[in-house]
Amino acid sequence: MFVVLDNVQYTKRDWRNRNKIITPQGVKWLTIPVETKGRFEQKIYETCVSDPNWVKKHWSLIYQSYHRAPFFDLYGEQFKALYASLEGERSLSRINLAFIELINQILGIKTKIKWFSEFKTSSAPSQRLLDICIQVGATRYYSGPSAASYIDSDLFESKGVQIKYLDFSKYPNYPQQFGQSDVAVSVLDLIFNLGAGARDYLGISET
């Protein structure tokens, strides 16, 4: 199960509203402009789009960069339709969820997704995460490596929940356009270049 923890503080210059793609001019950021001025303590679910033109700008750059990629013809129309459906959507959380759902569909990922708001939890960081694990019957919690600085591992272990920190540093290279060799980019690059082979690259099993 994947829980969208969007009730925590929104942080600027992070991955929540931007990602990288490979263009003919090199790696570039695709950023969704959001309202942040005077909103330092806003939560992710409170974060709203500030410029609706991001949809057209993003798709234009994606098309220019990937229309000759090996699998763009197979998947491009699905992403074009998704972008069109997001015109007028102001919620960053709902936009991100829409992308997650389509990418999961393409990659055959069947993990259940829930919003944090579906759970009743403590406000303490570690206890909040553990409360969710307990409520869904989880025995293992997967986390990004940066969370190791604040997660209370002893607390999790006391309740029989193992913490596994993900390592994003060992992805192998794969064929990319324009002579690039950079795997720290959006999964769109992987899909348009490898197609169904993206599943094998990511180690996605059938279960």
N, C-alpha and C. Protein backbone atom coordinates (compact mmCIF):
# COMPACT_ATOMS: atom_id res chain seq x y z
N MET A 1 0.83 -1.19 0.00
CA MET A 1 0.00 0.00 0.00
C MET A 1 0.87 1.24 0.00
N PHE A 2 0.45 2.24 -0.80
CA PHE A 2 1.14 3.52 -0.84
C PHE A 2 0.22 4.57 -0.25
N VAL A 3 0.67 5.26 0.79
CA VAL A 3 -0.13 6.29 1.42
C VAL A 3 0.40 7.66 1.01
N VAL A 4 -0.47 8.49 0.45
CA VAL A 4 -0.10 9.84 0.04
C VAL A 4 -0.09 10.71 1.29
N LEU A 5 1.10 10.95 1.83
CA LEU A 5 1.25 11.71 3.08
C LEU A 5 1.33 13.20 2.74
N ASP A 6 0.21 13.77 2.37
CA ASP A 6 0.23 15.16 1.88
C ASP A 6 -0.20 16.16 2.94
N ASN A 7 -0.23 15.73 4.20
CA ASN A 7 -0.58 16.67 5.27
C ASN A 7 0.66 17.23 5.97
N VAL A 8 1.84 16.96 5.41
CA VAL A 8 3.08 17.50 5.97
C VAL A 8 3.44 18.79 5.24
N GLN A 9 4.38 19.53 5.78
CA GLN A 9 4.72 20.84 5.25
C GLN A 9 5.28 20.74 3.83
N TYR A 10 4.79 21.61 2.96
CA TYR A 10 5.31 21.71 1.61
C TYR A 10 6.69 22.36 1.65
N THR A 11 7.63 21.80 0.93
CA THR A 11 8.99 22.36 0.88
C THR A 11 9.32 22.77 -0.54
N LYS A 12 9.88 23.96 -0.69
CA LYS A 12 10.26 24.45 -2.01
C LYS A 12 11.55 23.78 -2.49
N ARG A 13 11.75 23.83 -3.80
CA ARG A 13 12.93 23.26 -4.47
C ARG A 13 13.07 21.77 -4.15
N ASP A 14 11.94 21.10 -4.10
CA ASP A 14 11.91 19.67 -3.83
C ASP A 14 11.32 18.97 -5.05
N TRP A 15 10.91 17.71 -4.90
CA TRP A 15 10.42 16.93 -6.02
C TRP A 15 8.90 16.93 -6.12
N ARG A 16 8.23 17.62 -5.23
CA ARG A 16 6.77 17.53 -5.21
C ARG A 16 6.11 18.25 -6.37
N ASN A 17 6.75 19.26 -6.91
CA ASN A 17 6.14 19.99 -8.03
C ASN A 17 7.07 20.07 -9.24
N ARG A 18 8.07 19.22 -9.30
CA ARG A 18 8.98 19.28 -10.44
C ARG A 18 9.71 17.96 -10.65
N ASN A 19 10.21 17.78 -11.85
CA ASN A 19 11.03 16.63 -12.18
C ASN A 19 11.86 16.98 -13.41
N LYS A 20 12.79 16.13 -13.76
CA LYS A 20 13.69 16.40 -14.88
C LYS A 20 13.36 15.51 -16.07
N ILE A 21 13.58 16.06 -17.26
CA ILE A 21 13.50 15.27 -18.48
C ILE A 21 14.75 15.58 -19.32
N ILE A 22 14.98 14.75 -20.32
CA ILE A 22 16.12 14.97 -21.21
C ILE A 22 15.62 15.60 -22.51
N THR A 23 16.17 16.75 -22.84
CA THR A 23 15.78 17.49 -24.04
C THR A 23 16.96 17.54 -25.00
N PRO A 24 16.75 18.02 -26.22
CA PRO A 24 17.89 18.16 -27.15
C PRO A 24 18.97 19.09 -26.61
N GLN A 25 18.59 19.97 -25.68
CA GLN A 25 19.56 20.89 -25.06
C GLN A 25 20.10 20.38 -23.74
N GLY A 26 19.83 19.13 -23.41
CA GLY A 26 20.31 18.56 -22.16
C GLY A 26 19.18 18.36 -21.16
N VAL A 27 19.54 18.07 -19.92
CA VAL A 27 18.55 17.83 -18.88
C VAL A 27 17.93 19.15 -18.44
N LYS A 28 16.58 19.17 -18.37
CA LYS A 28 15.87 20.37 -17.95
C LYS A 28 14.78 20.02 -16.93
N TRP A 29 14.47 20.98 -16.08
CA TRP A 29 13.41 20.81 -15.10
C TRP A 29 12.06 21.08 -15.74
N LEU A 30 11.08 20.25 -15.40
CA LEU A 30 9.68 20.52 -15.65
C LEU A 30 9.07 20.89 -14.31
N THR A 31 8.63 22.12 -14.16
CA THR A 31 8.14 22.60 -12.87
C THR A 31 6.68 23.05 -12.97
N ILE A 32 5.87 22.61 -12.01
CA ILE A 32 4.50 23.11 -11.89
C ILE A 32 4.55 24.32 -10.97
N PRO A 33 4.24 25.51 -11.45
CA PRO A 33 4.30 26.71 -10.60
C PRO A 33 3.20 26.68 -9.54
N VAL A 34 3.58 26.92 -8.29
CA VAL A 34 2.61 26.88 -7.20
C VAL A 34 2.70 28.14 -6.35
N GLU A 35 1.64 28.39 -5.60
CA GLU A 35 1.57 29.55 -4.73
C GLU A 35 2.33 29.27 -3.43
N THR A 36 3.37 30.07 -3.17
CA THR A 36 4.16 29.87 -1.95
C THR A 36 4.38 31.16 -1.15
N LYS A 37 4.22 32.31 -1.78
CA LYS A 37 4.50 33.58 -1.11
C LYS A 37 3.60 33.75 0.11
N GLY A 38 4.24 33.94 1.28
CA GLY A 38 3.50 34.13 2.52
C GLY A 38 2.84 32.86 3.03
N ARG A 39 3.22 31.70 2.46
CA ARG A 39 2.60 30.44 2.86
C ARG A 39 3.65 29.43 3.32
N PHE A 40 4.58 29.89 4.12
CA PHE A 40 5.70 29.05 4.53
C PHE A 40 5.25 27.76 5.20
N GLU A 41 4.20 27.81 5.98
CA GLU A 41 3.79 26.63 6.75
C GLU A 41 2.67 25.84 6.08
N GLN A 42 2.37 26.13 4.84
CA GLN A 42 1.27 25.41 4.20
C GLN A 42 1.60 23.93 4.03
N LYS A 43 0.58 23.10 4.10
CA LYS A 43 0.72 21.67 3.89
C LYS A 43 0.70 21.38 2.38
N ILE A 44 1.16 20.19 2.04
CA ILE A 44 1.18 19.82 0.63
C ILE A 44 -0.23 19.86 0.05
N TYR A 45 -1.21 19.34 0.80
CA TYR A 45 -2.57 19.31 0.26
C TYR A 45 -3.18 20.70 0.12
N GLU A 46 -2.58 21.69 0.76
CA GLU A 46 -3.05 23.06 0.64
C GLU A 46 -2.38 23.81 -0.52
N THR A 47 -1.39 23.21 -1.13
CA THR A 47 -0.60 23.87 -2.17
C THR A 47 -1.33 23.86 -3.50
N CYS A 48 -1.46 25.05 -4.10
CA CYS A 48 -2.25 25.21 -5.33
C CYS A 48 -1.40 25.74 -6.49
N VAL A 49 -1.80 25.39 -7.68
CA VAL A 49 -1.15 25.86 -8.90
C VAL A 49 -1.34 27.37 -9.04
N SER A 50 -0.29 28.06 -9.45
CA SER A 50 -0.37 29.51 -9.60
C SER A 50 -0.51 29.95 -11.06
N ASP A 51 -0.16 29.08 -12.00
CA ASP A 51 -0.23 29.43 -13.42
C ASP A 51 -0.78 28.24 -14.21
N PRO A 52 -2.03 28.32 -14.66
CA PRO A 52 -2.63 27.18 -15.36
C PRO A 52 -1.97 26.85 -16.69
N ASN A 53 -1.13 27.73 -17.20
CA ASN A 53 -0.48 27.48 -18.49
C ASN A 53 0.61 26.41 -18.41
N TRP A 54 0.88 25.91 -17.19
CA TRP A 54 1.92 24.90 -17.04
C TRP A 54 1.60 23.66 -17.89
N VAL A 55 0.32 23.35 -18.05
CA VAL A 55 -0.08 22.15 -18.79
C VAL A 55 0.43 22.21 -20.23
N LYS A 56 0.14 23.29 -20.91
CA LYS A 56 0.57 23.43 -22.31
C LYS A 56 2.09 23.49 -22.43
N LYS A 57 2.74 24.21 -21.49
CA LYS A 57 4.20 24.32 -21.53
C LYS A 57 4.87 22.96 -21.34
N HIS A 58 4.37 22.20 -20.37
CA HIS A 58 4.96 20.89 -20.11
C HIS A 58 4.81 19.97 -21.31
N TRP A 59 3.56 19.87 -21.81
CA TRP A 59 3.34 18.92 -22.90
C TRP A 59 4.13 19.32 -24.14
N SER A 60 4.24 20.61 -24.41
CA SER A 60 5.00 21.06 -25.57
C SER A 60 6.46 20.63 -25.47
N LEU A 61 7.07 20.79 -24.30
CA LEU A 61 8.47 20.40 -24.14
C LEU A 61 8.63 18.89 -24.17
N ILE A 62 7.68 18.16 -23.59
CA ILE A 62 7.75 16.70 -23.62
C ILE A 62 7.65 16.20 -25.06
N TYR A 63 6.72 16.77 -25.82
CA TYR A 63 6.57 16.34 -27.22
C TYR A 63 7.84 16.64 -28.02
N GLN A 64 8.36 17.85 -27.87
CA GLN A 64 9.57 18.23 -28.60
C GLN A 64 10.74 17.30 -28.26
N SER A 65 10.78 16.85 -27.01
CA SER A 65 11.93 16.06 -26.54
C SER A 65 11.80 14.57 -26.84
N TYR A 66 10.57 14.06 -26.90
CA TYR A 66 10.41 12.60 -26.96
C TYR A 66 9.63 12.07 -28.16
N HIS A 67 9.17 12.93 -29.05
CA HIS A 67 8.32 12.41 -30.13
C HIS A 67 9.05 11.44 -31.05
N ARG A 68 10.38 11.43 -31.01
CA ARG A 68 11.13 10.45 -31.80
C ARG A 68 11.66 9.30 -30.94
N ALA A 69 11.30 9.28 -29.67
CA ALA A 69 11.74 8.18 -28.79
C ALA A 69 11.07 6.88 -29.23
N PRO A 70 11.71 5.73 -29.00
CA PRO A 70 11.21 4.44 -29.52
C PRO A 70 9.76 4.12 -29.18
N PHE A 71 9.30 4.50 -27.98
CA PHE A 71 7.97 4.09 -27.55
C PHE A 71 7.02 5.26 -27.32
N PHE A 72 7.36 6.41 -27.89
CA PHE A 72 6.47 7.57 -27.72
C PHE A 72 5.13 7.34 -28.40
N ASP A 73 5.14 6.73 -29.58
CA ASP A 73 3.88 6.49 -30.29
C ASP A 73 2.95 5.58 -29.49
N LEU A 74 3.53 4.70 -28.69
CA LEU A 74 2.73 3.75 -27.91
C LEU A 74 2.10 4.40 -26.68
N TYR A 75 2.82 5.31 -26.05
CA TYR A 75 2.35 5.87 -24.78
C TYR A 75 2.05 7.37 -24.80
N GLY A 76 2.50 8.05 -25.85
CA GLY A 76 2.36 9.50 -25.87
C GLY A 76 0.93 9.99 -25.75
N GLU A 77 -0.01 9.35 -26.44
CA GLU A 77 -1.40 9.81 -26.41
C GLU A 77 -2.01 9.71 -25.02
N GLN A 78 -1.58 8.72 -24.24
CA GLN A 78 -2.11 8.57 -22.88
C GLN A 78 -1.68 9.75 -22.00
N PHE A 79 -0.43 10.16 -22.16
CA PHE A 79 0.04 11.30 -21.36
C PHE A 79 -0.54 12.61 -21.89
N LYS A 80 -0.71 12.71 -23.20
CA LYS A 80 -1.33 13.91 -23.76
C LYS A 80 -2.74 14.08 -23.21
N ALA A 81 -3.49 12.99 -23.15
CA ALA A 81 -4.86 13.04 -22.61
C ALA A 81 -4.85 13.38 -21.13
N LEU A 82 -3.87 12.86 -20.40
CA LEU A 82 -3.79 13.17 -18.97
C LEU A 82 -3.54 14.65 -18.77
N TYR A 83 -2.59 15.20 -19.49
CA TYR A 83 -2.31 16.63 -19.37
C TYR A 83 -3.56 17.45 -19.68
N ALA A 84 -4.27 17.08 -20.74
CA ALA A 84 -5.48 17.82 -21.12
C ALA A 84 -6.52 17.76 -20.01
N SER A 85 -6.62 16.62 -19.33
CA SER A 85 -7.60 16.47 -18.26
C SER A 85 -7.27 17.30 -17.03
N LEU A 86 -6.02 17.75 -16.92
CA LEU A 86 -5.58 18.49 -15.73
C LEU A 86 -5.66 20.00 -15.92
N GLU A 87 -6.09 20.44 -17.08
CA GLU A 87 -6.27 21.89 -17.27
C GLU A 87 -7.34 22.39 -16.30
N GLY A 88 -7.00 23.40 -15.53
CA GLY A 88 -7.94 23.94 -14.56
C GLY A 88 -7.84 23.31 -13.19
N GLU A 89 -7.13 22.19 -13.05
CA GLU A 89 -6.95 21.58 -11.73
C GLU A 89 -5.94 22.39 -10.94
N ARG A 90 -6.30 22.80 -9.73
CA ARG A 90 -5.42 23.66 -8.93
C ARG A 90 -4.69 22.89 -7.84
N SER A 91 -5.17 21.73 -7.46
CA SER A 91 -4.56 20.99 -6.35
C SER A 91 -3.33 20.22 -6.80
N LEU A 92 -2.17 20.55 -6.23
CA LEU A 92 -0.94 19.84 -6.55
C LEU A 92 -1.04 18.37 -6.18
N SER A 93 -1.69 18.08 -5.07
CA SER A 93 -1.83 16.68 -4.64
C SER A 93 -2.63 15.86 -5.65
N ARG A 94 -3.74 16.41 -6.13
CA ARG A 94 -4.56 15.67 -7.09
C ARG A 94 -3.84 15.51 -8.43
N ILE A 95 -3.06 16.52 -8.80
CA ILE A 95 -2.27 16.41 -10.03
C ILE A 95 -1.25 15.27 -9.91
N ASN A 96 -0.54 15.25 -8.80
CA ASN A 96 0.47 14.20 -8.60
C ASN A 96 -0.17 12.82 -8.57
N LEU A 97 -1.33 12.71 -7.92
CA LEU A 97 -2.00 11.41 -7.86
C LEU A 97 -2.41 10.95 -9.25
N ALA A 98 -2.87 11.87 -10.09
CA ALA A 98 -3.27 11.51 -11.45
C ALA A 98 -2.09 10.93 -12.23
N PHE A 99 -0.90 11.52 -12.06
CA PHE A 99 0.28 10.99 -12.74
C PHE A 99 0.68 9.63 -12.18
N ILE A 100 0.62 9.50 -10.86
CA ILE A 100 0.97 8.21 -10.24
C ILE A 100 0.06 7.10 -10.76
N GLU A 101 -1.23 7.39 -10.84
CA GLU A 101 -2.19 6.36 -11.27
C GLU A 101 -1.95 5.93 -12.72
N LEU A 102 -1.68 6.88 -13.62
CA LEU A 102 -1.44 6.50 -15.01
C LEU A 102 -0.13 5.74 -15.15
N ILE A 103 0.91 6.21 -14.48
CA ILE A 103 2.21 5.52 -14.56
C ILE A 103 2.10 4.11 -13.99
N ASN A 104 1.38 3.95 -12.88
CA ASN A 104 1.16 2.61 -12.32
C ASN A 104 0.43 1.72 -13.32
N GLN A 105 -0.56 2.28 -14.00
CA GLN A 105 -1.31 1.51 -14.99
C GLN A 105 -0.40 1.04 -16.11
N ILE A 106 0.43 1.93 -16.62
CA ILE A 106 1.34 1.58 -17.72
C ILE A 106 2.36 0.53 -17.29
N LEU A 107 2.86 0.65 -16.08
CA LEU A 107 3.90 -0.27 -15.59
C LEU A 107 3.32 -1.53 -14.95
N GLY A 108 2.00 -1.60 -14.85
CA GLY A 108 1.38 -2.79 -14.25
C GLY A 108 1.56 -2.86 -12.75
N ILE A 109 1.71 -1.71 -12.10
CA ILE A 109 1.84 -1.67 -10.64
C ILE A 109 0.44 -1.62 -10.02
N LYS A 110 0.11 -2.58 -9.18
CA LYS A 110 -1.24 -2.71 -8.65
C LYS A 110 -1.33 -2.33 -7.17
N THR A 111 -0.31 -1.66 -6.67
CA THR A 111 -0.30 -1.24 -5.27
C THR A 111 -1.50 -0.36 -4.95
N LYS A 112 -2.19 -0.65 -3.85
CA LYS A 112 -3.32 0.18 -3.43
C LYS A 112 -2.80 1.55 -2.98
N ILE A 113 -3.58 2.59 -3.25
CA ILE A 113 -3.21 3.95 -2.87
C ILE A 113 -4.29 4.53 -1.97
N LYS A 114 -3.87 5.13 -0.86
CA LYS A 114 -4.81 5.80 0.05
C LYS A 114 -4.28 7.18 0.41
N TRP A 115 -5.19 8.09 0.75
CA TRP A 115 -4.82 9.40 1.26
C TRP A 115 -4.57 9.31 2.76
N PHE A 116 -3.66 10.14 3.25
CA PHE A 116 -3.40 10.18 4.68
C PHE A 116 -4.68 10.52 5.46
N SER A 117 -5.54 11.32 4.87
CA SER A 117 -6.75 11.76 5.56
C SER A 117 -7.69 10.60 5.91
N GLU A 118 -7.44 9.42 5.34
CA GLU A 118 -8.28 8.26 5.63
C GLU A 118 -7.91 7.62 6.97
N PHE A 119 -6.84 8.11 7.61
CA PHE A 119 -6.36 7.50 8.85
C PHE A 119 -6.44 8.47 10.02
N LYS A 120 -6.57 7.93 11.21
CA LYS A 120 -6.48 8.72 12.43
C LYS A 120 -5.13 8.42 13.07
N THR A 121 -4.31 9.46 13.25
CA THR A 121 -2.95 9.24 13.72
C THR A 121 -2.52 10.30 14.72
N SER A 122 -1.39 10.02 15.35
CA SER A 122 -0.72 10.99 16.22
C SER A 122 -0.11 12.08 15.35
N SER A 123 0.26 13.21 15.97
CA SER A 123 0.93 14.28 15.23
C SER A 123 2.45 14.13 15.27
N ALA A 124 2.96 13.26 16.14
CA ALA A 124 4.41 13.04 16.23
C ALA A 124 4.88 12.29 14.99
N PRO A 125 5.96 12.76 14.34
CA PRO A 125 6.38 12.19 13.05
C PRO A 125 6.48 10.67 13.00
N SER A 126 7.28 10.07 13.89
CA SER A 126 7.45 8.62 13.84
C SER A 126 6.17 7.88 14.20
N GLN A 127 5.49 8.34 15.25
CA GLN A 127 4.27 7.67 15.68
C GLN A 127 3.19 7.75 14.61
N ARG A 128 3.14 8.88 13.89
CA ARG A 128 2.15 9.05 12.83
C ARG A 128 2.34 7.98 11.75
N LEU A 129 3.57 7.77 11.34
CA LEU A 129 3.85 6.75 10.33
C LEU A 129 3.55 5.35 10.85
N LEU A 130 3.93 5.11 12.10
CA LEU A 130 3.68 3.81 12.69
C LEU A 130 2.19 3.54 12.84
N ASP A 131 1.43 4.56 13.21
CA ASP A 131 -0.03 4.41 13.33
C ASP A 131 -0.64 3.92 12.02
N ILE A 132 -0.17 4.48 10.91
CA ILE A 132 -0.68 4.05 9.60
C ILE A 132 -0.31 2.60 9.35
N CYS A 133 0.94 2.24 9.62
CA CYS A 133 1.37 0.86 9.43
C CYS A 133 0.51 -0.12 10.22
N ILE A 134 0.24 0.23 11.46
CA ILE A 134 -0.56 -0.64 12.32
C ILE A 134 -1.98 -0.78 11.79
N GLN A 135 -2.56 0.33 11.35
CA GLN A 135 -3.94 0.31 10.88
C GLN A 135 -4.13 -0.49 9.60
N VAL A 136 -3.10 -0.58 8.77
CA VAL A 136 -3.22 -1.37 7.54
C VAL A 136 -2.62 -2.76 7.68
N GLY A 137 -2.10 -3.09 8.87
CA GLY A 137 -1.54 -4.40 9.11
C GLY A 137 -0.18 -4.62 8.47
N ALA A 138 0.59 -3.54 8.32
CA ALA A 138 1.89 -3.65 7.66
C ALA A 138 2.95 -4.23 8.60
N THR A 139 3.85 -5.01 8.05
CA THR A 139 4.99 -5.55 8.80
C THR A 139 6.30 -4.94 8.33
N ARG A 140 6.24 -4.16 7.24
CA ARG A 140 7.44 -3.52 6.73
C ARG A 140 7.08 -2.13 6.22
N TYR A 141 7.94 -1.14 6.53
CA TYR A 141 7.72 0.23 6.08
C TYR A 141 8.90 0.64 5.21
N TYR A 142 8.61 1.05 3.97
CA TYR A 142 9.65 1.49 3.05
C TYR A 142 9.77 3.00 3.11
N SER A 143 11.00 3.47 3.21
CA SER A 143 11.23 4.90 3.36
C SER A 143 12.39 5.36 2.50
N GLY A 144 12.36 6.64 2.11
CA GLY A 144 13.51 7.23 1.46
C GLY A 144 14.64 7.37 2.47
N PRO A 145 15.88 7.45 2.02
CA PRO A 145 17.02 7.47 2.94
C PRO A 145 17.09 8.68 3.85
N SER A 146 16.57 9.84 3.42
CA SER A 146 16.69 11.05 4.24
C SER A 146 15.87 10.98 5.53
N ALA A 147 14.85 10.13 5.55
CA ALA A 147 13.99 10.02 6.74
C ALA A 147 14.70 9.33 7.91
N ALA A 148 15.85 8.73 7.64
CA ALA A 148 16.58 8.04 8.72
C ALA A 148 16.98 8.99 9.83
N SER A 149 17.03 10.28 9.53
CA SER A 149 17.44 11.26 10.54
C SER A 149 16.37 11.53 11.59
N TYR A 150 15.12 11.17 11.30
CA TYR A 150 14.08 11.47 12.28
C TYR A 150 13.21 10.27 12.67
N ILE A 151 13.25 9.19 11.93
CA ILE A 151 12.41 8.04 12.26
C ILE A 151 12.98 7.30 13.47
N ASP A 152 12.13 7.00 14.42
CA ASP A 152 12.51 6.27 15.63
C ASP A 152 12.39 4.78 15.32
N SER A 153 13.49 4.16 14.92
CA SER A 153 13.46 2.76 14.52
C SER A 153 13.08 1.83 15.67
N ASP A 154 13.49 2.19 16.89
CA ASP A 154 13.15 1.35 18.04
C ASP A 154 11.64 1.29 18.24
N LEU A 155 10.98 2.41 18.00
CA LEU A 155 9.52 2.46 18.14
C LEU A 155 8.86 1.50 17.16
N PHE A 156 9.33 1.50 15.93
CA PHE A 156 8.77 0.61 14.92
C PHE A 156 9.03 -0.85 15.28
N GLU A 157 10.27 -1.13 15.69
CA GLU A 157 10.63 -2.51 16.03
C GLU A 157 9.82 -3.03 17.19
N SER A 158 9.47 -2.14 18.13
CA SER A 158 8.69 -2.57 19.30
C SER A 158 7.29 -3.04 18.91
N LYS A 159 6.84 -2.61 17.74
CA LYS A 159 5.52 -3.01 17.26
C LYS A 159 5.60 -4.03 16.11
N GLY A 160 6.80 -4.56 15.89
CA GLY A 160 6.96 -5.59 14.87
C GLY A 160 6.95 -5.10 13.44
N VAL A 161 7.32 -3.83 13.23
CA VAL A 161 7.36 -3.26 11.89
C VAL A 161 8.81 -2.99 11.50
N GLN A 162 9.26 -3.64 10.45
CA GLN A 162 10.64 -3.46 9.98
C GLN A 162 10.71 -2.24 9.07
N ILE A 163 11.77 -1.44 9.22
CA ILE A 163 11.98 -0.29 8.35
C ILE A 163 13.02 -0.66 7.29
N LYS A 164 12.71 -0.39 6.04
CA LYS A 164 13.65 -0.66 4.95
C LYS A 164 13.88 0.65 4.20
N TYR A 165 15.11 1.14 4.21
CA TYR A 165 15.44 2.39 3.53
C TYR A 165 15.84 2.09 2.08
N LEU A 166 15.22 2.80 1.17
CA LEU A 166 15.48 2.59 -0.26
C LEU A 166 16.79 3.25 -0.67
N ASP A 167 17.46 2.63 -1.62
CA ASP A 167 18.72 3.15 -2.14
C ASP A 167 18.52 3.53 -3.60
N PHE A 168 18.56 4.82 -3.90
CA PHE A 168 18.31 5.29 -5.26
C PHE A 168 19.60 5.52 -6.06
N SER A 169 20.72 5.07 -5.52
CA SER A 169 22.01 5.41 -6.12
C SER A 169 22.55 4.35 -7.09
N LYS A 170 21.85 3.24 -7.25
CA LYS A 170 22.44 2.13 -8.00
C LYS A 170 21.66 1.75 -9.26
N TYR A 171 20.85 2.67 -9.77
CA TYR A 171 20.16 2.36 -11.01
C TYR A 171 21.16 2.29 -12.16
N PRO A 172 21.09 1.23 -12.98
CA PRO A 172 22.02 1.14 -14.13
C PRO A 172 21.59 2.08 -15.25
N ASN A 173 22.49 2.37 -16.15
CA ASN A 173 22.15 3.19 -17.31
C ASN A 173 21.27 2.40 -18.27
N TYR A 174 20.55 3.12 -19.12
CA TYR A 174 19.72 2.50 -20.15
C TYR A 174 19.80 3.40 -21.38
N PRO A 175 19.42 2.91 -22.55
CA PRO A 175 19.53 3.71 -23.77
C PRO A 175 18.68 4.98 -23.68
N GLN A 176 19.30 6.14 -23.87
CA GLN A 176 18.61 7.42 -23.81
C GLN A 176 18.93 8.24 -25.06
N GLN A 177 18.11 9.23 -25.30
CA GLN A 177 18.27 10.07 -26.48
C GLN A 177 19.39 11.10 -26.30
N PHE A 178 19.83 11.61 -27.42
CA PHE A 178 20.74 12.75 -27.48
C PHE A 178 22.08 12.49 -26.79
N GLY A 179 22.48 11.20 -26.72
CA GLY A 179 23.77 10.85 -26.16
C GLY A 179 23.86 11.04 -24.66
N GLN A 180 22.70 11.14 -23.99
CA GLN A 180 22.70 11.37 -22.55
C GLN A 180 22.89 10.06 -21.77
N SER A 181 23.35 10.19 -20.56
CA SER A 181 23.47 9.07 -19.64
C SER A 181 23.17 9.59 -18.24
N ASP A 182 21.88 9.76 -17.96
CA ASP A 182 21.45 10.33 -16.69
C ASP A 182 20.17 9.64 -16.28
N VAL A 183 20.24 8.83 -15.21
CA VAL A 183 19.05 8.09 -14.77
C VAL A 183 18.27 8.84 -13.70
N ALA A 184 18.77 9.99 -13.26
CA ALA A 184 18.07 10.78 -12.23
C ALA A 184 17.06 11.72 -12.89
N VAL A 185 16.19 11.13 -13.72
CA VAL A 185 15.19 11.90 -14.45
C VAL A 185 13.83 11.23 -14.28
N SER A 186 12.80 11.88 -14.82
CA SER A 186 11.44 11.37 -14.70
C SER A 186 11.29 9.97 -15.29
N VAL A 187 10.37 9.20 -14.72
CA VAL A 187 10.08 7.87 -15.25
C VAL A 187 9.52 7.96 -16.66
N LEU A 188 9.04 9.14 -17.09
CA LEU A 188 8.59 9.30 -18.47
C LEU A 188 9.71 8.97 -19.45
N ASP A 189 10.93 9.38 -19.10
CA ASP A 189 12.09 9.11 -19.96
C ASP A 189 12.28 7.61 -20.10
N LEU A 190 12.12 6.88 -19.02
CA LEU A 190 12.28 5.43 -19.03
C LEU A 190 11.19 4.78 -19.88
N ILE A 191 9.95 5.21 -19.70
CA ILE A 191 8.83 4.64 -20.44
C ILE A 191 8.95 4.89 -21.94
N PHE A 192 9.27 6.13 -22.32
CA PHE A 192 9.36 6.45 -23.74
C PHE A 192 10.55 5.78 -24.42
N ASN A 193 11.59 5.46 -23.66
CA ASN A 193 12.78 4.84 -24.24
C ASN A 193 12.78 3.32 -24.18
N LEU A 194 12.17 2.74 -23.14
CA LEU A 194 12.22 1.28 -22.98
C LEU A 194 10.86 0.60 -23.16
N GLY A 195 9.77 1.34 -23.11
CA GLY A 195 8.46 0.72 -23.24
C GLY A 195 8.22 -0.29 -22.13
N ALA A 196 7.74 -1.48 -22.49
CA ALA A 196 7.46 -2.52 -21.50
C ALA A 196 8.73 -2.95 -20.77
N GLY A 197 9.88 -2.69 -21.37
CA GLY A 197 11.15 -3.04 -20.71
C GLY A 197 11.40 -2.24 -19.46
N ALA A 198 10.63 -1.17 -19.25
CA ALA A 198 10.76 -0.37 -18.04
C ALA A 198 10.45 -1.20 -16.80
N ARG A 199 9.54 -2.16 -16.95
CA ARG A 199 9.20 -3.04 -15.81
C ARG A 199 10.42 -3.83 -15.35
N ASP A 200 11.13 -4.42 -16.30
CA ASP A 200 12.31 -5.22 -15.95
C ASP A 200 13.40 -4.33 -15.35
N TYR A 201 13.57 -3.15 -15.92
CA TYR A 201 14.58 -2.22 -15.41
C TYR A 201 14.32 -1.87 -13.96
N LEU A 202 13.05 -1.67 -13.61
CA LEU A 202 12.69 -1.30 -12.23
C LEU A 202 12.53 -2.51 -11.31
N GLY A 203 12.61 -3.70 -11.88
CA GLY A 203 12.48 -4.92 -11.07
C GLY A 203 11.08 -5.15 -10.57
N ILE A 204 10.07 -4.79 -11.39
CA ILE A 204 8.67 -4.97 -10.99
C ILE A 204 8.26 -6.41 -11.24
N SER A 205 7.78 -7.08 -10.19
CA SER A 205 7.36 -8.47 -10.31
C SER A 205 5.89 -8.54 -10.71
N GLU A 206 5.43 -9.73 -11.03
CA GLU A 206 4.03 -9.92 -11.44
C GLU A 206 3.09 -9.93 -10.25
N THR A 207 3.59 -10.11 -9.04
CA THR A 207 2.72 -10.22 -7.86
C THR A 207 2.30 -8.85 -7.38
